[in-house]
Protein backbone atom coordinates (compact mmCIF):
# COMPACT_ATOMS: atom_id res chain seq x y z
CA MET A 1 17.62 -28.48 -1.05
CA ASN A 2 19.30 -29.50 -4.28
CA THR A 3 21.17 -27.47 -6.88
CA LEU A 4 18.41 -27.71 -9.44
CA TRP A 5 15.84 -26.25 -7.10
CA TYR A 6 18.06 -23.31 -6.42
CA LEU A 7 18.58 -22.80 -10.16
CA THR A 8 14.97 -22.88 -10.67
CA ARG A 9 14.26 -20.15 -8.29
CA ALA A 10 17.20 -17.99 -9.40
CA SER A 11 16.48 -18.37 -13.13
CA GLY A 12 12.81 -17.53 -12.52
CA THR A 13 13.68 -14.29 -10.57
CA THR A 14 16.52 -13.42 -13.14
CA SER A 15 13.94 -13.83 -15.91
CA LEU A 16 11.54 -11.51 -14.31
CA LEU A 17 14.24 -8.86 -13.79
CA LEU A 18 15.32 -9.28 -17.45
CA LEU A 19 11.71 -9.05 -18.70
CA THR A 20 11.24 -5.91 -16.68
CA LEU A 21 14.31 -4.39 -18.18
CA ALA A 22 13.31 -5.50 -21.72
CA VAL A 23 9.84 -3.86 -21.20
CA LEU A 24 11.59 -0.67 -20.00
CA LEU A 25 13.89 -0.48 -22.98
CA GLY A 26 11.04 -1.44 -25.36
CA VAL A 27 8.95 1.57 -23.97
CA ILE A 28 11.99 3.93 -24.27
CA THR A 29 12.58 2.82 -27.94
CA SER A 30 8.87 3.16 -28.75
CA MET A 31 8.89 6.78 -27.40
CA ASP A 32 11.60 7.71 -29.99
CA GLY A 33 13.89 7.82 -26.97
CA THR A 34 17.31 6.54 -25.94
CA VAL A 35 19.01 5.69 -22.80
CA PRO A 36 21.24 8.82 -22.03
CA GLY A 37 24.46 8.69 -23.73
CA LEU A 38 23.46 5.82 -26.34
CA PRO A 39 22.14 6.19 -29.80
CA ARG A 40 18.65 4.92 -30.51
CA PHE A 41 20.01 1.87 -32.44
CA VAL A 42 21.99 0.87 -29.49
CA THR A 43 19.11 1.05 -27.16
CA GLY A 44 17.14 -1.08 -29.62
CA ALA A 45 20.00 -3.56 -29.86
CA VAL A 46 20.27 -3.81 -25.95
CA HIS A 47 16.35 -4.39 -25.83
CA ARG A 48 16.73 -7.28 -28.26
CA ASN A 49 19.66 -8.70 -26.52
CA VAL A 50 18.06 -8.45 -23.07
CA SER A 51 14.88 -9.99 -24.49
CA LEU A 52 16.90 -12.95 -25.86
CA LEU A 53 18.83 -13.30 -22.63
CA ALA A 54 15.46 -13.36 -20.69
CA LEU A 55 14.37 -16.21 -23.19
CA VAL A 56 17.75 -18.21 -22.25
CA PHE A 57 16.92 -17.71 -18.45
CA LEU A 58 13.34 -18.89 -19.02
CA GLY A 59 14.62 -21.88 -20.85
CA LEU A 60 16.85 -22.61 -17.87
CA HIS A 61 13.93 -22.10 -15.54
CA ILE A 62 11.73 -24.54 -17.40
CA THR A 63 14.46 -27.12 -17.86
CA THR A 64 15.51 -27.12 -14.24
CA THR A 65 11.91 -27.36 -13.10
CA VAL A 66 11.12 -30.30 -15.39
CA VAL A 67 14.51 -32.10 -14.73
CA ASP A 68 14.34 -31.53 -10.92
CA GLY A 69 11.31 -33.84 -10.69
CA TYR A 70 10.14 -32.20 -7.36
CA ALA A 71 7.04 -31.08 -9.06
CA PRO A 72 5.27 -33.35 -11.45
CA ILE A 73 5.82 -31.07 -14.42
CA GLY A 74 6.56 -32.43 -17.93
CA TRP A 75 8.13 -30.78 -20.96
CA ILE A 76 4.74 -30.31 -22.63
CA ASP A 77 3.59 -28.46 -19.52
CA GLY A 78 6.31 -25.80 -20.30
CA VAL A 79 4.85 -25.12 -23.83
CA VAL A 80 1.06 -25.81 -23.72
CA PRO A 81 -0.70 -23.73 -21.14
CA PHE A 82 -3.19 -24.88 -18.58
CA ILE A 83 -2.75 -28.75 -19.24
CA SER A 84 -0.64 -29.57 -16.23
CA GLY A 85 -2.13 -31.60 -13.41
CA TYR A 86 0.19 -29.66 -10.99
CA HIS A 87 -1.22 -26.16 -10.22
CA PRO A 88 -2.70 -25.86 -13.80
CA LEU A 89 -3.74 -22.23 -13.46
CA GLU A 90 -0.55 -20.96 -11.79
CA LEU A 91 1.71 -22.96 -14.08
CA GLY A 92 -0.45 -22.17 -17.05
CA VAL A 93 0.07 -18.43 -16.78
CA GLY A 94 3.76 -19.00 -16.77
CA THR A 95 3.51 -21.15 -19.90
CA LEU A 96 1.32 -18.56 -21.55
CA ALA A 97 3.87 -15.84 -20.80
CA PHE A 98 6.66 -18.01 -22.26
CA ASP A 99 4.68 -18.68 -25.30
CA LEU A 100 4.01 -14.86 -25.91
CA ILE A 101 7.77 -14.25 -25.47
CA LEU A 102 8.42 -16.94 -28.07
CA ALA A 103 5.84 -15.25 -30.47
CA SER A 104 7.32 -11.80 -29.91
CA ILE A 105 10.90 -12.96 -30.68
CA ALA A 106 10.01 -15.18 -33.49
CA THR A 107 8.02 -12.41 -35.22
CA SER A 108 10.84 -9.98 -34.52
CA MET A 109 13.23 -12.28 -36.32
CA LEU A 110 10.77 -12.61 -39.17
CA ARG A 111 9.87 -8.80 -39.30
CA SER A 112 11.12 -8.13 -42.75
CA ARG A 113 9.25 -11.19 -44.21
CA ILE A 114 5.90 -10.78 -42.33
CA GLY A 115 5.64 -6.88 -42.48
CA TYR A 116 5.39 -4.21 -39.86
CA PRO A 117 1.57 -4.51 -39.16
CA VAL A 118 1.69 -8.30 -38.27
CA TRP A 119 5.04 -7.79 -36.30
CA ARG A 120 3.59 -4.85 -34.29
CA THR A 121 0.33 -6.69 -33.40
CA VAL A 122 2.24 -9.68 -32.15
CA HIS A 123 5.01 -7.61 -30.63
CA LEU A 124 2.38 -5.65 -28.45
CA SER A 125 1.53 -9.10 -26.82
CA ALA A 126 4.89 -8.53 -24.98
CA TYR A 127 2.95 -5.94 -22.80
CA LEU A 128 0.65 -8.80 -21.76
CA CYS A 129 3.53 -11.14 -21.18
CA TRP A 130 5.07 -9.13 -18.39
CA PRO A 131 2.13 -9.04 -15.98
CA ILE A 132 1.29 -12.62 -16.77
CA ALA A 133 4.85 -13.62 -15.86
CA LEU A 134 4.64 -11.63 -12.70
CA LEU A 135 1.38 -13.39 -11.80
CA HIS A 136 3.00 -16.70 -12.34
CA GLY A 137 5.75 -15.87 -9.87
CA ILE A 138 3.36 -14.36 -7.34
CA THR A 139 1.05 -17.36 -7.32
CA ILE A 140 3.43 -20.26 -7.71
CA GLY A 141 6.89 -18.99 -6.93
CA THR A 142 8.65 -20.68 -3.87
CA ASP A 143 9.88 -17.26 -2.66
CA ARG A 144 6.67 -15.29 -3.31
CA ALA A 145 6.12 -14.47 0.33
CA GLU A 146 9.74 -13.70 1.27
CA ALA A 147 10.44 -10.04 2.00
CA TRP A 148 13.31 -9.90 -0.63
CA MET A 149 11.02 -11.24 -3.30
CA LEU A 150 8.24 -8.79 -2.45
CA VAL A 151 10.69 -6.02 -2.76
CA VAL A 152 11.86 -7.33 -6.21
CA ASP A 153 8.23 -7.63 -7.42
CA ALA A 154 7.45 -4.14 -6.15
CA ILE A 155 10.62 -2.61 -7.87
CA CYS A 156 9.65 -4.43 -11.04
CA VAL A 157 5.98 -3.18 -10.91
CA GLY A 158 7.17 0.31 -10.16
CA VAL A 159 9.62 0.39 -13.00
CA VAL A 160 6.98 -0.89 -15.61
CA LEU A 161 4.32 1.40 -14.24
CA VAL A 162 6.47 4.48 -14.58
CA ALA A 163 7.51 3.61 -18.00
CA VAL A 164 4.06 2.82 -19.36
CA VAL A 165 2.58 6.06 -17.77
CA ALA A 166 5.44 8.06 -19.27
CA ARG A 167 4.73 6.40 -22.73
CA ALA A 168 1.08 7.23 -22.36
CA MET A 169 1.76 10.94 -21.32
CA ARG A 170 4.25 11.32 -24.29
CA ARG A 171 1.60 9.75 -26.70
CA ARG A 172 -1.06 12.06 -25.44
CA ALA A 173 1.21 15.11 -25.86
CA ARG A 174 1.96 14.12 -29.31
CA VAL A 175 -1.79 13.69 -30.19
CA ASP A 176 -2.55 17.02 -28.68
CA GLY A 177 0.28 18.60 -30.73
CA ARG A 178 2.34 19.66 -27.76
CA LEU A 179 5.27 17.57 -28.75
CA GLU A 180 7.29 17.77 -31.85
CA PRO A 181 8.15 14.50 -33.56
CA VAL A 182 11.77 13.50 -33.13
CA ARG A 183 13.72 13.85 -36.46
């Protein structure tokens, strides 16, 4: 096995872990919450930086996959979903997840110029990005059937499910009037 192949695998797994952390921090921030011991603005800053770091590792994942040459994947396949001749569906969902992340980060950088409603609409697509990225790894990842990868996937699913359920419960409590808004 060559170094690029190992980098592709490691950067893909690292991307999933970072995306999971970004979703968790995004949910915490959206619930008017913080990570214990950190002010809210720090939680938001960590969320942004983790998201950008995930993008860096995704870039490494795509670059090493294309440069390695083991699979016939071109640069355009990393940006335009479902056009690759190599596992078009499995690769396409990964490309779609990457595009959703790019859109989320780009609109976050332009938030003051595009306004909150547009930013929020696009940013909510990040909730779609995570399961799509997970699906990509489960369907095409080299290590998808390895016990350690199954554990990583299960932990990531568990973390996101708990976060999303907690957010839904908090939202319902706020709507029902059982929760005072944070001031």
